[in-house]
C-alpha atoms as a PDB file:
ATOM      1  CA  UNK A   1     -31.905 -41.123 -56.514  1.00  0.00           C
ATOM      2  CA  UNK A   2     -29.322 -38.327 -56.537  1.00  0.00           C
ATOM      3  CA  UNK A   3     -27.637 -37.031 -59.667  1.00  0.00           C
ATOM      4  CA  UNK A   4     -24.086 -35.679 -59.645  1.00  0.00           C
ATOM      5  CA  UNK A   5     -23.060 -33.454 -62.556  1.00  0.00           C
ATOM      6  CA  UNK A   6     -19.761 -31.881 -63.485  1.00  0.00           C
ATOM      7  CA  UNK A   7     -18.949 -29.192 -66.003  1.00  0.00           C
ATOM      8  CA  UNK A   8     -15.635 -27.605 -66.983  1.00  0.00           C
ATOM      9  CA  UNK A   9     -15.341 -24.328 -68.858  1.00  0.00           C
ATOM     10  CA  UNK A  10     -12.844 -21.487 -69.165  1.00  0.00           C
ATOM     11  CA  UNK A  11     -13.741 -20.296 -65.654  1.00  0.00           C
ATOM     12  CA  UNK A  12     -13.014 -23.594 -63.919  1.00  0.00           C
ATOM     13  CA  UNK A  13     -15.132 -26.530 -62.857  1.00  0.00           C
ATOM     14  CA  UNK A  14     -18.540 -26.827 -61.255  1.00  0.00           C
ATOM     15  CA  UNK A  15     -19.995 -29.932 -59.625  1.00  0.00           C
ATOM     16  CA  UNK A  16     -23.546 -30.217 -58.379  1.00  0.00           C
ATOM     17  CA  UNK A  17     -25.708 -32.782 -56.657  1.00  0.00           C
ATOM     18  CA  UNK A  18     -29.370 -32.513 -57.644  1.00  0.00           C
ATOM     19  CA  UNK A  19     -28.688 -29.024 -58.971  1.00  0.00           C
ATOM     20  CA  UNK A  20     -27.008 -27.685 -55.806  1.00  0.00           C
ATOM     21  CA  UNK A  21     -23.244 -27.135 -55.393  1.00  0.00           C
ATOM     22  CA  UNK A  22     -21.484 -30.234 -54.022  1.00  0.00           C
ATOM     23  CA  UNK A  23     -19.572 -29.434 -50.835  1.00  0.00           C
ATOM     24  CA  UNK A  24     -15.894 -30.442 -51.124  1.00  0.00           C
ATOM     25  CA  UNK A  25     -15.938 -31.432 -47.430  1.00  0.00           C
ATOM     26  CA  UNK A  26     -12.492 -30.000 -46.761  1.00  0.00           C
ATOM     27  CA  UNK A  27     -13.510 -30.016 -43.091  1.00  0.00           C
ATOM     28  CA  UNK A  28     -13.104 -33.813 -43.185  1.00  0.00           C
ATOM     29  CA  UNK A  29     -10.197 -34.223 -45.634  1.00  0.00           C
ATOM     30  CA  UNK A  30      -8.376 -31.505 -47.561  1.00  0.00           C
ATOM     31  CA  UNK A  31      -6.416 -32.604 -50.612  1.00  0.00           C
ATOM     32  CA  UNK A  32      -5.166 -29.027 -51.178  1.00  0.00           C
ATOM     33  CA  UNK A  33      -6.689 -28.949 -54.649  1.00  0.00           C
ATOM     34  CA  UNK A  34      -7.508 -25.712 -56.436  1.00  0.00           C
ATOM     35  CA  UNK A  35     -10.954 -27.167 -57.115  1.00  0.00           C
ATOM     36  CA  UNK A  36     -12.630 -30.260 -58.443  1.00  0.00           C
ATOM     37  CA  UNK A  37     -11.113 -32.041 -61.414  1.00  0.00           C
ATOM     38  CA  UNK A  38     -11.513 -35.332 -63.287  1.00  0.00           C
ATOM     39  CA  UNK A  39      -9.821 -37.309 -66.040  1.00  0.00           C
ATOM     40  CA  UNK A  40      -6.610 -38.121 -64.163  1.00  0.00           C
ATOM     41  CA  UNK A  41      -5.398 -39.228 -60.717  1.00  0.00           C
ATOM     42  CA  UNK A  42      -4.470 -36.179 -58.617  1.00  0.00           C
ATOM     43  CA  UNK A  43      -5.554 -33.866 -55.822  1.00  0.00           C
ATOM     44  CA  UNK A  44      -8.563 -32.355 -57.658  1.00  0.00           C
ATOM     45  CA  UNK A  45      -9.966 -35.775 -58.617  1.00  0.00           C
ATOM     46  CA  UNK A  46      -9.344 -37.046 -55.059  1.00  0.00           C
ATOM     47  CA  UNK A  47     -11.309 -34.109 -53.613  1.00  0.00           C
ATOM     48  CA  UNK A  48     -14.140 -34.807 -56.061  1.00  0.00           C
ATOM     49  CA  UNK A  49     -14.252 -38.532 -55.299  1.00  0.00           C
ATOM     50  CA  UNK A  50     -14.183 -37.852 -51.578  1.00  0.00           C
ATOM     51  CA  UNK A  51     -16.976 -35.241 -51.795  1.00  0.00           C
ATOM     52  CA  UNK A  52     -19.228 -37.525 -53.847  1.00  0.00           C
ATOM     53  CA  UNK A  53     -18.651 -40.440 -51.485  1.00  0.00           C
ATOM     54  CA  UNK A  54     -19.254 -38.371 -48.328  1.00  0.00           C
ATOM     55  CA  UNK A  55     -22.561 -37.272 -49.837  1.00  0.00           C
ATOM     56  CA  UNK A  56     -23.373 -40.816 -50.963  1.00  0.00           C
ATOM     57  CA  UNK A  57     -22.281 -42.912 -47.965  1.00  0.00           C
ATOM     58  CA  UNK A  58     -20.957 -40.702 -45.176  1.00  0.00           C
ATOM     59  CA  UNK A  59     -17.459 -39.808 -43.966  1.00  0.00           C
ATOM     60  CA  UNK A  60     -16.238 -43.248 -42.890  1.00  0.00           C
ATOM     61  CA  UNK A  61     -17.175 -44.946 -46.144  1.00  0.00           C
ATOM     62  CA  UNK A  62     -15.654 -42.072 -48.104  1.00  0.00           C
ATOM     63  CA  UNK A  63     -12.352 -42.340 -46.227  1.00  0.00           C
ATOM     64  CA  UNK A  64     -12.227 -46.080 -46.917  1.00  0.00           C
ATOM     65  CA  UNK A  65     -13.130 -45.893 -50.612  1.00  0.00           C
ATOM     66  CA  UNK A  66     -12.084 -42.575 -52.170  1.00  0.00           C
ATOM     67  CA  UNK A  67      -8.722 -43.810 -53.526  1.00  0.00           C
ATOM     68  CA  UNK A  68     -10.251 -46.705 -55.466  1.00  0.00           C
ATOM     69  CA  UNK A  69     -13.207 -44.574 -56.568  1.00  0.00           C
ATOM     70  CA  UNK A  70     -10.803 -41.927 -57.896  1.00  0.00           C
ATOM     71  CA  UNK A  71      -8.842 -44.448 -59.960  1.00  0.00           C
ATOM     72  CA  UNK A  72     -11.807 -46.547 -61.113  1.00  0.00           C
ATOM     73  CA  UNK A  73     -14.306 -43.765 -61.818  1.00  0.00           C
ATOM     74  CA  UNK A  74     -13.172 -40.146 -61.538  1.00  0.00           C
ATOM     75  CA  UNK A  75      -9.833 -40.536 -63.343  1.00  0.00           C
ATOM     76  CA  UNK A  76     -11.631 -42.293 -66.212  1.00  0.00           C
ATOM     77  CA  UNK A  77     -14.122 -39.480 -66.913  1.00  0.00           C
ATOM     78  CA  UNK A  78     -13.451 -37.854 -70.277  1.00  0.00           C
ATOM     79  CA  UNK A  79     -14.722 -34.566 -71.591  1.00  0.00           C
ATOM     80  CA  UNK A  80     -15.960 -31.315 -70.161  1.00  0.00           C
ATOM     81  CA  UNK A  81     -19.329 -32.558 -68.844  1.00  0.00           C
ATOM     82  CA  UNK A  82     -20.406 -35.689 -67.029  1.00  0.00           C
ATOM     83  CA  UNK A  83     -23.287 -37.157 -65.036  1.00  0.00           C
ATOM     84  CA  UNK A  84     -23.353 -39.906 -62.392  1.00  0.00           C
ATOM     85  CA  UNK A  85     -26.366 -41.139 -60.474  1.00  0.00           C
ATOM     86  CA  UNK A  86     -26.231 -42.431 -56.920  1.00  0.00           C
ATOM     87  CA  UNK A  87     -27.234 -45.810 -58.363  1.00  0.00           C
ATOM     88  CA  UNK A  88     -24.132 -45.801 -60.613  1.00  0.00           C
ATOM     89  CA  UNK A  89     -21.929 -44.716 -57.687  1.00  0.00           C
ATOM     90  CA  UNK A  90     -23.265 -47.592 -55.588  1.00  0.00           C
ATOM     91  CA  UNK A  91     -22.720 -50.090 -58.397  1.00  0.00           C
ATOM     92  CA  UNK A  92     -19.117 -48.995 -58.860  1.00  0.00           C
ATOM     93  CA  UNK A  93     -18.471 -49.291 -55.124  1.00  0.00           C
ATOM     94  CA  UNK A  94     -19.822 -52.844 -55.091  1.00  0.00           C
ATOM     95  CA  UNK A  95     -17.415 -53.966 -57.802  1.00  0.00           C
ATOM     96  CA  UNK A  96     -14.689 -55.897 -56.067  1.00  0.00           C
ATOM     97  CA  UNK A  97     -11.171 -56.900 -56.905  1.00  0.00           C
ATOM     98  CA  UNK A  98     -10.755 -60.645 -57.080  1.00  0.00           C
ATOM     99  CA  UNK A  99      -7.802 -61.833 -55.014  1.00  0.00           C
ATOM    100  CA  UNK A 100      -5.951 -64.840 -56.334  1.00  0.00           C
ATOM    101  CA  UNK A 101      -4.581 -66.933 -53.488  1.00  0.00           C
ATOM    102  CA  UNK A 102      -1.295 -68.037 -55.111  1.00  0.00           C
ATOM    103  CA  UNK A 103       2.085 -66.642 -56.024  1.00  0.00           C
ATOM    104  CA  UNK A 104       2.664 -65.058 -59.427  1.00  0.00           C
ATOM    105  CA  UNK A 105       4.707 -67.961 -60.814  1.00  0.00           C
ATOM    106  CA  UNK A 106       1.944 -70.469 -60.003  1.00  0.00           C
ATOM    107  CA  UNK A 107      -0.676 -68.123 -61.455  1.00  0.00           C
ATOM    108  CA  UNK A 108       1.203 -67.880 -64.783  1.00  0.00           C
ATOM    109  CA  UNK A 109       1.630 -71.675 -64.914  1.00  0.00           C
ATOM    110  CA  UNK A 110      -2.135 -72.102 -64.409  1.00  0.00           C
ATOM    111  CA  UNK A 111      -2.893 -69.528 -67.103  1.00  0.00           C
ATOM    112  CA  UNK A 112      -0.540 -71.315 -69.542  1.00  0.00           C
ATOM    113  CA  UNK A 113      -2.110 -74.666 -68.667  1.00  0.00           C
ATOM    114  CA  UNK A 114       1.119 -76.071 -67.247  1.00  0.00           C
ATOM    115  CA  UNK A 115      -0.544 -77.101 -63.993  1.00  0.00           C
END
């Protein structure tokens, strides 16, 4: 199991995978970020999400999932240090959005018990 770690200090941010620097993989997708970031939804968090996912599941899976992973995971990280395992990454990727097959008006009526 891999372990991803991030640390922010006065000199910037550092992200590693199993103790080695995590490649941003700008060769596959460049978000024009000044470096990795977390705690919000922007170019630095997108580059971080993409890099983690390329390492975890390969380029195609990363391209398909980095937006959701940024919003659901990377943008929610608080503080100057964090740790994610490949097991946690996989679990977050398996979480799915439930689609409700009805219009909004019908949904609200069902919720209120009118139907």
